[in-house]
Amino acid sequence: MNIVECTIPGPLIIEPKVFGDERGFFMESWNAGLFAKAGLDLNFVQDNHSRSRKGVLRGMHFQNPAPQGKLVRVVNGAVFDVAVDLRHSSPNFGKWVGVELSAANKRMFWVPEGFAHGFLTLEDDTDFLYKCTSTYAPQHEHSLAWDDPDVGIDWPLEGMDIQISAKDKVGTSLANVEGFA
């Protein structure tokens, strides 16, 4: 696998080895030993799967306390996936990194603890999978405003009729977010 560092330390783009022929393809999406050798010695405790139509924006979610690290990928369709650094001690606090994940490019994205995470679906019937290092704890879930001008995420919204949940429409501004140490 090839690991690509992002402009913010922590999140990583992971490009797995894909073996393909006229029958299709094979790839390992998770191998604890190989990931540990690459510096990602992770213990996943929950797997999630969401399906969305084009234009659905989910995020920017995080749990505090009980933060979750997430290894995310798309198995059908495409998303613009985003992580925002919420570590107050980081020189990159409030900065974001985004990557397109798709069934075609087979990339994975590691979003470590201490980051808000969200995505915008770019195609109908997009299936988004993610492994989490901590279980979902609704009492600790928070949402950073997806459109906070202090963060300035450059979502690819042109021509999109976006759909956002009521919860995500009222996300907290970066100035008021309870981030991480």
Protein backbone atom coordinates (compact mmCIF):
# COMPACT_ATOMS: atom_id res chain seq x y z
CA MET A 1 0.00 0.00 0.00
CA ASN A 2 1.02 3.59 -0.54
CA ILE A 3 0.49 6.10 2.27
CA VAL A 4 0.23 9.77 1.32
CA GLU A 5 0.68 12.41 4.01
CA CYS A 6 -1.71 15.36 3.94
CA THR A 7 -0.96 19.06 4.41
CA ILE A 8 -2.07 18.68 8.05
CA PRO A 9 -0.19 16.08 10.13
CA GLY A 10 -2.42 13.20 11.19
CA PRO A 11 -4.87 12.46 8.36
CA LEU A 12 -3.51 10.09 5.71
CA ILE A 13 -4.59 9.01 2.25
CA ILE A 14 -4.10 5.28 1.85
CA GLU A 15 -3.82 3.78 -1.62
CA PRO A 16 -4.14 0.00 -1.35
CA LYS A 17 -2.54 -2.44 -3.76
CA VAL A 18 -5.25 -3.45 -6.21
CA PHE A 19 -4.91 -6.62 -8.24
CA GLY A 20 -7.20 -6.62 -11.25
CA ASP A 21 -7.87 -8.59 -14.39
CA GLU A 22 -10.78 -9.24 -16.75
CA ARG A 23 -12.75 -10.81 -13.88
CA GLY A 24 -12.59 -7.74 -11.64
CA PHE A 25 -10.23 -6.85 -8.79
CA PHE A 26 -9.00 -7.85 -5.35
CA MET A 27 -7.61 -5.62 -2.59
CA GLU A 28 -7.07 -5.78 1.15
CA SER A 29 -9.01 -2.97 2.77
CA TRP A 30 -7.68 -3.80 6.24
CA ASN A 31 -4.72 -5.85 7.43
CA ALA A 32 -3.73 -5.14 11.03
CA GLY A 33 -0.13 -6.28 10.56
CA LEU A 34 0.53 -4.26 7.40
CA PHE A 35 -1.12 -1.14 8.80
CA ALA A 36 0.86 -1.46 12.06
CA LYS A 37 4.11 -1.69 10.06
CA ALA A 38 3.05 1.56 8.36
CA GLY A 39 2.60 3.25 11.76
CA LEU A 40 -1.15 2.72 12.07
CA ASP A 41 -1.41 0.29 14.98
CA LEU A 42 -5.17 0.60 15.38
CA ASN A 43 -7.88 -1.26 17.23
CA PHE A 44 -11.22 -0.92 15.48
CA VAL A 45 -14.37 -1.64 17.49
CA GLN A 46 -17.18 -0.60 15.16
CA ASP A 47 -17.88 -0.66 11.40
CA ASN A 48 -20.47 1.64 9.79
CA HIS A 49 -22.05 1.86 6.35
CA SER A 50 -24.08 4.73 4.97
CA ARG A 51 -25.78 5.12 1.59
CA SER A 52 -26.64 8.54 0.25
CA ARG A 53 -27.84 10.12 -2.95
CA LYS A 54 -25.91 12.88 -4.69
CA GLY A 55 -25.73 16.14 -2.77
CA VAL A 56 -26.03 14.77 0.76
CA LEU A 57 -23.64 16.51 3.14
CA ARG A 58 -22.95 14.64 6.37
CA GLY A 59 -20.85 16.35 9.02
CA MET A 60 -18.78 17.78 10.45
CA HIS A 61 -19.01 15.27 13.30
CA PHE A 62 -16.78 14.46 16.26
CA GLN A 63 -17.10 12.96 19.72
CA ASN A 64 -15.65 14.65 22.79
CA PRO A 65 -15.01 12.89 25.09
CA ALA A 66 -14.69 9.38 23.61
CA PRO A 67 -13.15 10.54 20.31
CA GLN A 68 -13.20 8.28 17.28
CA GLY A 69 -10.47 7.64 14.76
CA LYS A 70 -12.01 6.63 11.42
CA LEU A 71 -10.69 4.72 8.42
CA VAL A 72 -13.11 5.60 5.62
CA ARG A 73 -13.66 4.47 2.04
CA VAL A 74 -16.26 4.40 -0.72
CA VAL A 75 -17.34 1.14 -2.36
CA ASN A 76 -19.94 2.62 -4.72
CA GLY A 77 -20.11 6.21 -5.97
CA ALA A 78 -17.91 9.09 -4.81
CA VAL A 79 -17.53 11.64 -2.01
CA PHE A 80 -15.52 14.71 -1.16
CA ASP A 81 -14.27 13.76 2.31
CA VAL A 82 -13.04 16.34 4.83
CA ALA A 83 -11.19 16.37 8.16
CA VAL A 84 -10.82 19.50 10.32
CA ASP A 85 -8.14 19.70 13.01
CA LEU A 86 -9.80 20.43 16.38
CA ARG A 87 -6.68 19.93 18.52
CA HIS A 88 -6.17 23.25 20.35
CA SER A 89 -2.47 22.45 20.86
CA SER A 90 -1.95 21.95 17.13
CA PRO A 91 -0.51 24.73 14.95
CA ASN A 92 -3.11 23.55 12.42
CA PHE A 93 -6.14 24.06 14.68
CA GLY A 94 -9.13 24.94 12.49
CA LYS A 95 -7.45 23.93 9.23
CA TRP A 96 -8.98 21.33 6.96
CA VAL A 97 -7.91 18.76 4.40
CA GLY A 98 -10.16 17.21 1.76
CA VAL A 99 -9.84 14.28 -0.62
CA GLU A 100 -12.05 12.64 -3.21
CA LEU A 101 -12.79 9.03 -2.39
CA SER A 102 -14.53 6.85 -4.93
CA ALA A 103 -15.23 3.29 -5.93
CA ALA A 104 -13.04 3.97 -8.96
CA ASN A 105 -9.93 5.28 -7.14
CA LYS A 106 -10.29 2.86 -4.18
CA ARG A 107 -8.51 5.31 -1.87
CA MET A 108 -9.01 5.20 1.88
CA PHE A 109 -8.70 8.13 4.27
CA TRP A 110 -7.48 7.91 7.86
CA VAL A 111 -9.10 10.56 10.10
CA PRO A 112 -7.43 10.42 13.53
CA GLU A 113 -8.96 11.29 16.88
CA GLY A 114 -9.08 15.04 17.44
CA PHE A 115 -10.57 15.86 14.03
CA ALA A 116 -14.10 16.67 12.90
CA HIS A 117 -15.13 14.59 9.90
CA GLY A 118 -17.70 14.93 7.15
CA PHE A 119 -18.37 14.30 3.49
CA LEU A 120 -20.40 15.42 0.50
CA THR A 121 -21.70 12.74 -1.87
CA LEU A 122 -20.84 13.41 -5.51
CA GLU A 123 -22.91 10.59 -7.05
CA ASP A 124 -26.23 8.88 -6.40
CA ASP A 125 -26.24 5.62 -4.43
CA THR A 126 -22.90 6.29 -2.79
CA ASP A 127 -21.94 3.64 -0.25
CA PHE A 128 -19.55 4.97 2.40
CA LEU A 129 -17.85 2.56 4.83
CA TYR A 130 -15.89 3.42 7.93
CA LYS A 131 -14.11 1.61 10.71
CA CYS A 132 -14.03 3.37 14.09
CA THR A 133 -11.62 3.14 17.02
CA SER A 134 -14.38 3.94 19.54
CA THR A 135 -18.08 3.12 19.59
CA TYR A 136 -20.71 5.71 18.77
CA ALA A 137 -21.67 7.67 21.88
CA PRO A 138 -24.57 10.03 21.05
CA GLN A 139 -24.23 11.83 24.38
CA HIS A 140 -20.71 12.92 23.31
CA GLU A 141 -21.42 13.71 19.67
CA HIS A 142 -20.91 17.25 18.41
CA SER A 143 -21.09 18.94 15.06
CA LEU A 144 -18.81 21.67 13.75
CA ALA A 145 -20.64 24.00 11.36
CA TRP A 146 -20.00 22.64 7.86
CA ASP A 147 -20.00 26.18 6.42
CA ASP A 148 -18.08 28.03 9.15
CA PRO A 149 -16.22 30.87 7.39
CA ASP A 150 -13.39 30.63 9.95
CA VAL A 151 -12.69 27.10 8.67
CA GLY A 152 -13.49 27.86 5.03
CA ILE A 153 -13.98 24.37 3.63
CA ASP A 154 -14.04 24.59 -0.16
CA TRP A 155 -16.88 22.14 -0.77
CA PRO A 156 -17.45 21.30 -4.47
CA LEU A 157 -21.04 22.59 -4.37
CA GLU A 158 -21.36 23.92 -7.91
CA GLY A 159 -24.53 22.51 -9.49
CA MET A 160 -25.43 20.72 -6.25
CA ASP A 161 -28.76 20.76 -4.49
CA ILE A 162 -27.33 19.88 -1.08
CA GLN A 163 -29.27 18.11 1.62
CA ILE A 164 -28.25 18.49 5.24
CA SER A 165 -29.81 17.02 8.37
CA ALA A 166 -31.47 19.34 10.87
CA LYS A 167 -28.71 18.47 13.38
CA ASP A 168 -25.93 19.38 10.94
CA LYS A 169 -27.60 22.66 9.97
CA VAL A 170 -27.01 23.96 13.50
CA GLY A 171 -23.36 22.95 13.96
CA THR A 172 -21.16 24.93 16.34
CA SER A 173 -18.78 27.58 15.05
CA LEU A 174 -15.03 26.96 15.34
CA ALA A 175 -14.83 29.87 17.83
CA ASN A 176 -17.25 28.06 20.17
CA VAL A 177 -16.31 24.43 19.60
CA GLU A 178 -15.05 22.34 22.53
CA GLY A 179 -12.02 20.88 20.79
CA PHE A 180 -9.30 18.61 22.06
CA ALA A 181 -6.17 19.34 24.09
